[in-house]
PDB file of all heavy atoms in Angstrom:
ATOM      1  N   SER A   1      63.949 110.583 -59.221  1.00  0.00           N
ATOM      2  CA  SER A   1      63.906 110.448 -57.697  1.00  0.00           C
ATOM      3  C   SER A   1      64.619 109.203 -57.240  1.00  0.00           C
ATOM      4  O   SER A   1      65.199 109.203 -56.166  1.00  0.00           O
ATOM      5  CB  SER A   1      62.518 110.593 -57.139  1.00  0.00           C
ATOM      6  OG  SER A   1      61.926 111.815 -57.545  1.00  0.00           O
ATOM      7  N   ARG A   2      64.411 108.112 -57.956  1.00  0.00           N
ATOM      8  CA  ARG A   2      65.035 106.855 -57.556  1.00  0.00           C
ATOM      9  C   ARG A   2      66.578 106.972 -57.492  1.00  0.00           C
ATOM     10  O   ARG A   2      67.210 106.274 -56.674  1.00  0.00           O
ATOM     11  CB  ARG A   2      64.717 105.729 -58.531  1.00  0.00           C
ATOM     12  CG  ARG A   2      63.202 105.365 -58.515  1.00  0.00           C
ATOM     13  CD  ARG A   2      62.938 104.400 -59.630  1.00  0.00           C
ATOM     14  NE  ARG A   2      63.165 104.985 -60.911  1.00  0.00           N
ATOM     15  CZ  ARG A   2      63.317 104.278 -62.067  1.00  0.00           C
ATOM     16  NH1 ARG A   2      63.241 102.995 -62.058  1.00  0.00           N
ATOM     17  NH2 ARG A   2      63.560 104.905 -63.194  1.00  0.00           N
ATOM     18  N   ALA A   3      67.197 107.900 -58.256  1.00  0.00           N
ATOM     19  CA  ALA A   3      68.562 108.083 -58.257  1.00  0.00           C
ATOM     20  C   ALA A   3      69.061 108.557 -56.910  1.00  0.00           C
ATOM     21  O   ALA A   3      70.210 108.129 -56.480  1.00  0.00           O
ATOM     22  CB  ALA A   3      69.014 109.106 -59.361  1.00  0.00           C
ATOM     23  N   VAL A   4      68.270 109.275 -56.137  1.00  0.00           N
ATOM     24  CA  VAL A   4      68.703 109.760 -54.804  1.00  0.00           C
ATOM     25  C   VAL A   4      68.760 108.544 -53.895  1.00  0.00           C
ATOM     26  O   VAL A   4      69.738 108.364 -53.117  1.00  0.00           O
ATOM     27  CB  VAL A   4      67.710 110.850 -54.264  1.00  0.00           C
ATOM     28  CG1 VAL A   4      68.032 111.239 -52.904  1.00  0.00           C
ATOM     29  CG2 VAL A   4      67.747 112.045 -55.227  1.00  0.00           C
ATOM     30  N   PHE A   5      67.718 107.681 -53.945  1.00  0.00           N
ATOM     31  CA  PHE A   5      67.755 106.488 -53.063  1.00  0.00           C
ATOM     32  C   PHE A   5      68.858 105.572 -53.370  1.00  0.00           C
ATOM     33  O   PHE A   5      69.640 105.216 -52.528  1.00  0.00           O
ATOM     34  CB  PHE A   5      66.361 105.768 -53.202  1.00  0.00           C
ATOM     35  CG  PHE A   5      66.324 104.404 -52.448  1.00  0.00           C
ATOM     36  CD1 PHE A   5      66.170 104.426 -51.062  1.00  0.00           C
ATOM     37  CD2 PHE A   5      66.558 103.258 -53.074  1.00  0.00           C
ATOM     38  CE1 PHE A   5      66.148 103.245 -50.368  1.00  0.00           C
ATOM     39  CE2 PHE A   5      66.557 102.056 -52.411  1.00  0.00           C
ATOM     40  CZ  PHE A   5      66.322 102.069 -51.069  1.00  0.00           C
ATOM     41  N   PHE A   6      68.889 105.117 -54.638  1.00  0.00           N
ATOM     42  CA  PHE A   6      69.967 104.167 -55.036  1.00  0.00           C
ATOM     43  C   PHE A   6      71.391 104.792 -54.992  1.00  0.00           C
ATOM     44  O   PHE A   6      72.361 104.054 -54.781  1.00  0.00           O
ATOM     45  CB  PHE A   6      69.676 103.574 -56.375  1.00  0.00           C
ATOM     46  CG  PHE A   6      68.453 102.706 -56.339  1.00  0.00           C
ATOM     47  CD1 PHE A   6      67.253 103.066 -56.975  1.00  0.00           C
ATOM     48  CD2 PHE A   6      68.494 101.449 -55.717  1.00  0.00           C
ATOM     49  CE1 PHE A   6      66.163 102.194 -56.979  1.00  0.00           C
ATOM     50  CE2 PHE A   6      67.398 100.621 -55.644  1.00  0.00           C
ATOM     51  CZ  PHE A   6      66.220 100.990 -56.293  1.00  0.00           C
ATOM     52  N   GLY A   7      71.444 106.054 -55.268  1.00  0.00           N
ATOM     53  CA  GLY A   7      72.764 106.761 -55.221  1.00  0.00           C
ATOM     54  C   GLY A   7      73.374 106.729 -53.886  1.00  0.00           C
ATOM     55  O   GLY A   7      74.608 106.706 -53.759  1.00  0.00           O
ATOM     56  N   ARG A   8      72.600 106.646 -52.793  1.00  0.00           N
ATOM     57  CA  ARG A   8      73.093 106.618 -51.457  1.00  0.00           C
ATOM     58  C   ARG A   8      73.791 105.292 -51.168  1.00  0.00           C
ATOM     59  O   ARG A   8      74.493 105.192 -50.188  1.00  0.00           O
ATOM     60  CB  ARG A   8      71.975 106.856 -50.406  1.00  0.00           C
ATOM     61  CG  ARG A   8      71.314 108.175 -50.532  1.00  0.00           C
ATOM     62  CD  ARG A   8      72.228 109.342 -50.307  1.00  0.00           C
ATOM     63  NE  ARG A   8      72.822 109.280 -48.962  1.00  0.00           N
ATOM     64  CZ  ARG A   8      74.101 109.682 -48.734  1.00  0.00           C
ATOM     65  NH1 ARG A   8      74.840 110.084 -49.658  1.00  0.00           N
ATOM     66  NH2 ARG A   8      74.550 109.567 -47.503  1.00  0.00           N
ATOM     67  N   LEU A   9      73.521 104.270 -52.016  1.00  0.00           N
ATOM     68  CA  LEU A   9      74.132 103.014 -51.799  1.00  0.00           C
ATOM     69  C   LEU A   9      75.427 102.742 -52.622  1.00  0.00           C
ATOM     70  O   LEU A   9      76.041 101.720 -52.570  1.00  0.00           O
ATOM     71  CB  LEU A   9      73.117 101.910 -52.135  1.00  0.00           C
ATOM     72  CG  LEU A   9      71.738 102.046 -51.450  1.00  0.00           C
ATOM     73  CD1 LEU A   9      70.820 100.986 -52.002  1.00  0.00           C
ATOM     74  CD2 LEU A   9      71.890 101.899 -49.971  1.00  0.00           C
ATOM     75  N   ILE A  10      75.737 103.737 -53.464  1.00  0.00           N
ATOM     76  CA  ILE A  10      76.899 103.544 -54.461  1.00  0.00           C
ATOM     77  C   ILE A  10      78.002 104.556 -54.034  1.00  0.00           C
ATOM     78  O   ILE A  10      77.804 105.759 -54.089  1.00  0.00           O
ATOM     79  CB  ILE A  10      76.449 103.799 -55.860  1.00  0.00           C
ATOM     80  CG1 ILE A  10      75.318 102.873 -56.245  1.00  0.00           C
ATOM     81  CG2 ILE A  10      77.662 103.621 -56.796  1.00  0.00           C
ATOM     82  CD1 ILE A  10      74.661 103.149 -57.532  1.00  0.00           C
ATOM     83  N   PRO A  11      79.108 104.024 -53.557  1.00  0.00           N
ATOM     84  CA  PRO A  11      80.199 104.915 -53.084  1.00  0.00           C
ATOM     85  C   PRO A  11      80.552 106.118 -53.966  1.00  0.00           C
ATOM     86  O   PRO A  11      80.691 107.254 -53.490  1.00  0.00           O
ATOM     87  CB  PRO A  11      81.376 104.000 -52.864  1.00  0.00           C
ATOM     88  CG  PRO A  11      80.766 102.661 -52.540  1.00  0.00           C
ATOM     89  CD  PRO A  11      79.496 102.654 -53.395  1.00  0.00           C
ATOM     90  N   ALA A  12      80.695 105.913 -55.270  1.00  0.00           N
ATOM     91  CA  ALA A  12      81.148 106.940 -56.192  1.00  0.00           C
ATOM     92  C   ALA A  12      80.057 108.001 -56.359  1.00  0.00           C
ATOM     93  O   ALA A  12      80.310 109.178 -56.737  1.00  0.00           O
ATOM     94  CB  ALA A  12      81.552 106.374 -57.500  1.00  0.00           C
ATOM     95  N   ILE A  13      78.889 107.667 -56.152  1.00  0.00           N
ATOM     96  CA  ILE A  13      77.666 108.530 -56.449  1.00  0.00           C
ATOM     97  C   ILE A  13      77.105 109.153 -55.157  1.00  0.00           C
ATOM     98  O   ILE A  13      76.493 110.220 -55.204  1.00  0.00           O
ATOM     99  CB  ILE A  13      76.572 107.749 -57.143  1.00  0.00           C
ATOM    100  CG1 ILE A  13      77.077 107.184 -58.430  1.00  0.00           C
ATOM    101  CG2 ILE A  13      75.342 108.578 -57.410  1.00  0.00           C
ATOM    102  CD1 ILE A  13      77.315 108.186 -59.558  1.00  0.00           C
ATOM    103  N   ARG A  14      77.384 108.537 -53.992  1.00  0.00           N
ATOM    104  CA  ARG A  14      76.683 108.812 -52.801  1.00  0.00           C
ATOM    105  C   ARG A  14      76.554 110.312 -52.450  1.00  0.00           C
ATOM    106  O   ARG A  14      75.448 110.771 -52.118  1.00  0.00           O
ATOM    107  CB  ARG A  14      77.366 107.995 -51.630  1.00  0.00           C
ATOM    108  CG  ARG A  14      76.484 107.984 -50.388  1.00  0.00           C
ATOM    109  CD  ARG A  14      76.929 106.840 -49.489  1.00  0.00           C
ATOM    110  NE  ARG A  14      78.343 106.935 -49.074  1.00  0.00           N
ATOM    111  CZ  ARG A  14      79.152 105.944 -49.380  1.00  0.00           C
ATOM    112  NH1 ARG A  14      78.814 104.842 -49.985  1.00  0.00           N
ATOM    113  NH2 ARG A  14      80.469 106.020 -48.900  1.00  0.00           N
ATOM    114  N   THR A  15      77.642 111.050 -52.480  1.00  0.00           N
ATOM    115  CA  THR A  15      77.571 112.417 -52.193  1.00  0.00           C
ATOM    116  C   THR A  15      77.122 113.236 -53.390  1.00  0.00           C
ATOM    117  O   THR A  15      76.382 114.162 -53.272  1.00  0.00           O
ATOM    118  CB  THR A  15      78.924 112.906 -51.705  1.00  0.00           C
ATOM    119  OG1 THR A  15      79.292 112.247 -50.490  1.00  0.00           O
ATOM    120  CG2 THR A  15      78.973 114.399 -51.402  1.00  0.00           C
ATOM    121  N   LEU A  16      77.663 112.930 -54.588  1.00  0.00           N
ATOM    122  CA  LEU A  16      77.408 113.705 -55.746  1.00  0.00           C
ATOM    123  C   LEU A  16      75.917 113.771 -56.173  1.00  0.00           C
ATOM    124  O   LEU A  16      75.483 114.765 -56.777  1.00  0.00           O
ATOM    125  CB  LEU A  16      78.210 113.144 -56.937  1.00  0.00           C
ATOM    126  CG  LEU A  16      79.747 113.332 -56.872  1.00  0.00           C
ATOM    127  CD1 LEU A  16      80.366 112.637 -57.987  1.00  0.00           C
ATOM    128  CD2 LEU A  16      80.062 114.813 -56.927  1.00  0.00           C
ATOM    129  N   ILE A  17      75.136 112.731 -55.828  1.00  0.00           N
ATOM    130  CA  ILE A  17      73.748 112.722 -56.270  1.00  0.00           C
ATOM    131  C   ILE A  17      72.931 113.824 -55.664  1.00  0.00           C
ATOM    132  O   ILE A  17      71.919 114.204 -56.240  1.00  0.00           O
ATOM    133  CB  ILE A  17      73.070 111.278 -55.997  1.00  0.00           C
ATOM    134  CG1 ILE A  17      71.918 111.121 -56.864  1.00  0.00           C
ATOM    135  CG2 ILE A  17      72.758 111.224 -54.534  1.00  0.00           C
ATOM    136  CD1 ILE A  17      72.168 111.088 -58.322  1.00  0.00           C
ATOM    137  N   SER A  18      73.389 114.404 -54.585  1.00  0.00           N
ATOM    138  CA  SER A  18      72.704 115.559 -54.002  1.00  0.00           C
ATOM    139  C   SER A  18      72.686 116.762 -54.877  1.00  0.00           C
ATOM    140  O   SER A  18      71.815 117.651 -54.833  1.00  0.00           O
ATOM    141  CB  SER A  18      73.285 115.884 -52.623  1.00  0.00           C
ATOM    142  OG  SER A  18      73.258 114.758 -51.791  1.00  0.00           O
ATOM    143  N   ILE A  19      73.808 116.924 -55.637  1.00  0.00           N
ATOM    144  CA  ILE A  19      73.998 118.094 -56.459  1.00  0.00           C
ATOM    145  C   ILE A  19      72.914 118.262 -57.587  1.00  0.00           C
ATOM    146  O   ILE A  19      72.259 119.269 -57.657  1.00  0.00           O
ATOM    147  CB  ILE A  19      75.451 118.131 -56.936  1.00  0.00           C
ATOM    148  CG1 ILE A  19      76.362 118.345 -55.810  1.00  0.00           C
ATOM    149  CG2 ILE A  19      75.585 119.328 -57.988  1.00  0.00           C
ATOM    150  CD1 ILE A  19      77.894 118.313 -56.190  1.00  0.00           C
ATOM    151  N   PRO A  20      72.807 117.266 -58.459  1.00  0.00           N
ATOM    152  CA  PRO A  20      71.712 117.403 -59.426  1.00  0.00           C
ATOM    153  C   PRO A  20      70.343 117.524 -58.821  1.00  0.00           C
ATOM    154  O   PRO A  20      69.440 118.192 -59.386  1.00  0.00           O
ATOM    155  CB  PRO A  20      71.862 116.144 -60.307  1.00  0.00           C
ATOM    156  CG  PRO A  20      72.644 115.164 -59.520  1.00  0.00           C
ATOM    157  CD  PRO A  20      73.510 115.993 -58.627  1.00  0.00           C
ATOM    158  N   ALA A  21      70.077 116.837 -57.709  1.00  0.00           N
ATOM    159  CA  ALA A  21      68.819 116.961 -57.067  1.00  0.00           C
ATOM    160  C   ALA A  21      68.551 118.385 -56.630  1.00  0.00           C
ATOM    161  O   ALA A  21      67.441 118.898 -56.779  1.00  0.00           O
ATOM    162  CB  ALA A  21      68.752 116.084 -55.808  1.00  0.00           C
ATOM    163  N   GLY A  22      69.583 119.092 -56.162  1.00  0.00           N
ATOM    164  CA  GLY A  22      69.428 120.470 -55.877  1.00  0.00           C
ATOM    165  C   GLY A  22      69.341 121.412 -57.102  1.00  0.00           C
ATOM    166  O   GLY A  22      68.549 122.379 -57.052  1.00  0.00           O
ATOM    167  N   LEU A  23      70.080 121.079 -58.082  1.00  0.00           N
ATOM    168  CA  LEU A  23      70.065 121.906 -59.296  1.00  0.00           C
ATOM    169  C   LEU A  23      68.707 121.849 -60.013  1.00  0.00           C
ATOM    170  O   LEU A  23      68.280 122.887 -60.560  1.00  0.00           O
ATOM    171  CB  LEU A  23      71.139 121.371 -60.314  1.00  0.00           C
ATOM    172  CG  LEU A  23      72.622 121.624 -59.873  1.00  0.00           C
ATOM    173  CD1 LEU A  23      73.548 121.001 -60.910  1.00  0.00           C
ATOM    174  CD2 LEU A  23      72.913 123.087 -59.611  1.00  0.00           C
ATOM    175  N   VAL A  24      68.026 120.715 -60.006  1.00  0.00           N
ATOM    176  CA  VAL A  24      66.701 120.625 -60.597  1.00  0.00           C
ATOM    177  C   VAL A  24      65.579 121.011 -59.635  1.00  0.00           C
ATOM    178  O   VAL A  24      64.382 120.928 -59.949  1.00  0.00           O
ATOM    179  CB  VAL A  24      66.390 119.285 -61.241  1.00  0.00           C
ATOM    180  CG1 VAL A  24      67.500 118.881 -62.272  1.00  0.00           C
ATOM    181  CG2 VAL A  24      66.362 118.237 -60.134  1.00  0.00           C
ATOM    182  N   CYS A  25      66.013 121.424 -58.458  1.00  0.00           N
ATOM    183  CA  CYS A  25      65.080 121.951 -57.408  1.00  0.00           C
ATOM    184  C   CYS A  25      64.011 120.813 -57.064  1.00  0.00           C
ATOM    185  O   CYS A  25      62.838 121.073 -56.952  1.00  0.00           O
ATOM    186  CB  CYS A  25      64.326 123.202 -57.842  1.00  0.00           C
ATOM    187  SG  CYS A  25      65.407 124.656 -58.003  1.00  0.00           S
ATOM    188  N   MET A  26      64.559 119.656 -56.910  1.00  0.00           N
ATOM    189  CA  MET A  26      63.744 118.532 -56.329  1.00  0.00           C
ATOM    190  C   MET A  26      63.081 118.995 -55.026  1.00  0.00           C
ATOM    191  O   MET A  26      63.810 119.608 -54.231  1.00  0.00           O
ATOM    192  CB  MET A  26      64.552 117.276 -56.090  1.00  0.00           C
ATOM    193  CG  MET A  26      63.836 116.067 -55.613  1.00  0.00           C
ATOM    194  SD  MET A  26      65.028 114.679 -55.460  1.00  0.00           S
ATOM    195  CE  MET A  26      63.868 113.406 -54.915  1.00  0.00           C
ATOM    196  N   PRO A  27      61.836 118.799 -54.776  1.00  0.00           N
ATOM    197  CA  PRO A  27      61.214 119.283 -53.561  1.00  0.00           C
ATOM    198  C   PRO A  27      62.023 118.767 -52.331  1.00  0.00           C
ATOM    199  O   PRO A  27      62.333 117.611 -52.233  1.00  0.00           O
ATOM    200  CB  PRO A  27      59.806 118.634 -53.595  1.00  0.00           C
ATOM    201  CG  PRO A  27      59.501 118.478 -55.043  1.00  0.00           C
ATOM    202  CD  PRO A  27      60.822 118.123 -55.695  1.00  0.00           C
ATOM    203  N   PRO A  28      62.318 119.671 -51.351  1.00  0.00           N
ATOM    204  CA  PRO A  28      63.127 119.290 -50.221  1.00  0.00           C
ATOM    205  C   PRO A  28      62.653 118.098 -49.435  1.00  0.00           C
ATOM    206  O   PRO A  28      63.417 117.231 -49.063  1.00  0.00           O
ATOM    207  CB  PRO A  28      63.121 120.571 -49.334  1.00  0.00           C
ATOM    208  CG  PRO A  28      62.793 121.677 -50.298  1.00  0.00           C
ATOM    209  CD  PRO A  28      61.917 121.070 -51.354  1.00  0.00           C
ATOM    210  N   LEU A  29      61.317 118.026 -49.166  1.00  0.00           N
ATOM    211  CA  LEU A  29      60.794 116.914 -48.452  1.00  0.00           C
ATOM    212  C   LEU A  29      60.906 115.552 -49.223  1.00  0.00           C
ATOM    213  O   LEU A  29      61.283 114.541 -48.606  1.00  0.00           O
ATOM    214  CB  LEU A  29      59.328 117.136 -48.001  1.00  0.00           C
ATOM    215  CG  LEU A  29      59.071 118.262 -47.023  1.00  0.00           C
ATOM    216  CD1 LEU A  29      57.555 118.425 -46.800  1.00  0.00           C
ATOM    217  CD2 LEU A  29      59.783 117.973 -45.745  1.00  0.00           C
ATOM    218  N   LYS A  30      60.755 115.643 -50.467  1.00  0.00           N
ATOM    219  CA  LYS A  30      60.925 114.442 -51.222  1.00  0.00           C
ATOM    220  C   LYS A  30      62.388 113.983 -51.276  1.00  0.00           C
ATOM    221  O   LYS A  30      62.692 112.826 -51.148  1.00  0.00           O
ATOM    222  CB  LYS A  30      60.460 114.693 -52.695  1.00  0.00           C
ATOM    223  CG  LYS A  30      60.326 113.511 -53.633  1.00  0.00           C
ATOM    224  CD  LYS A  30      59.762 113.853 -54.982  1.00  0.00           C
ATOM    225  CE  LYS A  30      59.626 112.652 -55.841  1.00  0.00           C
ATOM    226  NZ  LYS A  30      59.080 112.977 -57.140  1.00  0.00           N
ATOM    227  N   PHE A  31      63.322 114.977 -51.401  1.00  0.00           N
ATOM    228  CA  PHE A  31      64.721 114.691 -51.349  1.00  0.00           C
ATOM    229  C   PHE A  31      65.069 114.035 -50.017  1.00  0.00           C
ATOM    230  O   PHE A  31      65.807 113.003 -49.974  1.00  0.00           O
ATOM    231  CB  PHE A  31      65.557 115.930 -51.602  1.00  0.00           C
ATOM    232  CG  PHE A  31      67.060 115.707 -51.420  1.00  0.00           C
ATOM    233  CD1 PHE A  31      67.810 115.103 -52.301  1.00  0.00           C
ATOM    234  CD2 PHE A  31      67.665 116.026 -50.216  1.00  0.00           C
ATOM    235  CE1 PHE A  31      69.121 114.793 -52.169  1.00  0.00           C
ATOM    236  CE2 PHE A  31      69.021 115.837 -49.991  1.00  0.00           C
ATOM    237  CZ  PHE A  31      69.731 115.199 -50.935  1.00  0.00           C
ATOM    238  N   LEU A  32      64.600 114.680 -48.941  1.00  0.00           N
ATOM    239  CA  LEU A  32      64.929 114.108 -47.617  1.00  0.00           C
ATOM    240  C   LEU A  32      64.379 112.763 -47.441  1.00  0.00           C
ATOM    241  O   LEU A  32      65.017 111.884 -46.797  1.00  0.00           O
ATOM    242  CB  LEU A  32      64.368 115.127 -46.531  1.00  0.00           C
ATOM    243  CG  LEU A  32      65.175 116.337 -46.346  1.00  0.00           C
ATOM    244  CD1 LEU A  32      64.425 117.328 -45.389  1.00  0.00           C
ATOM    245  CD2 LEU A  32      66.524 116.088 -45.774  1.00  0.00           C
ATOM    246  N   LEU A  33      63.177 112.462 -47.958  1.00  0.00           N
ATOM    247  CA  LEU A  33      62.612 111.155 -47.812  1.00  0.00           C
ATOM    248  C   LEU A  33      63.528 110.093 -48.488  1.00  0.00           C
ATOM    249  O   LEU A  33      63.862 109.100 -47.896  1.00  0.00           O
ATOM    250  CB  LEU A  33      61.166 111.112 -48.394  1.00  0.00           C
ATOM    251  CG  LEU A  33      60.524 109.695 -48.415  1.00  0.00           C
ATOM    252  CD1 LEU A  33      60.289 109.145 -47.100  1.00  0.00           C
ATOM    253  CD2 LEU A  33      59.252 109.745 -49.215  1.00  0.00           C
ATOM    254  N   PHE A  34      63.866 110.345 -49.755  1.00  0.00           N
ATOM    255  CA  PHE A  34      64.623 109.353 -50.513  1.00  0.00           C
ATOM    256  C   PHE A  34      66.076 109.201 -49.969  1.00  0.00           C
ATOM    257  O   PHE A  34      66.555 108.095 -49.901  1.00  0.00           O
ATOM    258  CB  PHE A  34      64.635 109.706 -51.992  1.00  0.00           C
ATOM    259  CG  PHE A  34      63.407 109.369 -52.684  1.00  0.00           C
ATOM    260  CD1 PHE A  34      62.318 110.242 -52.921  1.00  0.00           C
ATOM    261  CD2 PHE A  34      63.224 108.019 -53.260  1.00  0.00           C
ATOM    262  CE1 PHE A  34      61.138 109.855 -53.510  1.00  0.00           C
ATOM    263  CE2 PHE A  34      62.080 107.674 -53.910  1.00  0.00           C
ATOM    264  CZ  PHE A  34      61.053 108.608 -54.055  1.00  0.00           C
ATOM    265  N   THR A  35      66.668 110.365 -49.628  1.00  0.00           N
ATOM    266  CA  THR A  35      68.033 110.263 -49.143  1.00  0.00           C
ATOM    267  C   THR A  35      68.092 109.581 -47.730  1.00  0.00           C
ATOM    268  O   THR A  35      69.026 108.904 -47.389  1.00  0.00           O
ATOM    269  CB  THR A  35      68.729 111.607 -49.143  1.00  0.00           C
ATOM    270  OG1 THR A  35      70.148 111.428 -49.141  1.00  0.00           O
ATOM    271  CG2 THR A  35      68.346 112.529 -48.006  1.00  0.00           C
ATOM    272  N   THR A  36      67.045 109.857 -46.951  1.00  0.00           N
ATOM    273  CA  THR A  36      66.985 109.208 -45.608  1.00  0.00           C
ATOM    274  C   THR A  36      66.861 107.694 -45.751  1.00  0.00           C
ATOM    275  O   THR A  36      67.462 106.952 -44.985  1.00  0.00           O
ATOM    276  CB  THR A  36      65.801 109.770 -44.746  1.00  0.00           C
ATOM    277  OG1 THR A  36      66.088 111.249 -44.607  1.00  0.00           O
ATOM    278  CG2 THR A  36      65.724 109.144 -43.377  1.00  0.00           C
ATOM    279  N   LEU A  37      65.969 107.253 -46.613  1.00  0.00           N
ATOM    280  CA  LEU A  37      65.718 105.844 -46.808  1.00  0.00           C
ATOM    281  C   LEU A  37      67.002 105.177 -47.326  1.00  0.00           C
ATOM    282  O   LEU A  37      67.374 104.047 -46.833  1.00  0.00           O
ATOM    283  CB  LEU A  37      64.532 105.604 -47.773  1.00  0.00           C
ATOM    284  CG  LEU A  37      63.154 105.988 -47.219  1.00  0.00           C
ATOM    285  CD1 LEU A  37      62.123 105.827 -48.366  1.00  0.00           C
ATOM    286  CD2 LEU A  37      62.762 105.147 -46.010  1.00  0.00           C
TER     287      LEU A  37
END
């Protein structure tokens, strides 16, 4: 889950990190929390 938070700060990863989060079915609210922060 930390990858979603820190991934939002890294230009090369920022958009792509959403894909594996969706593929592994990370809970939507948890994803939204980490990506929002």
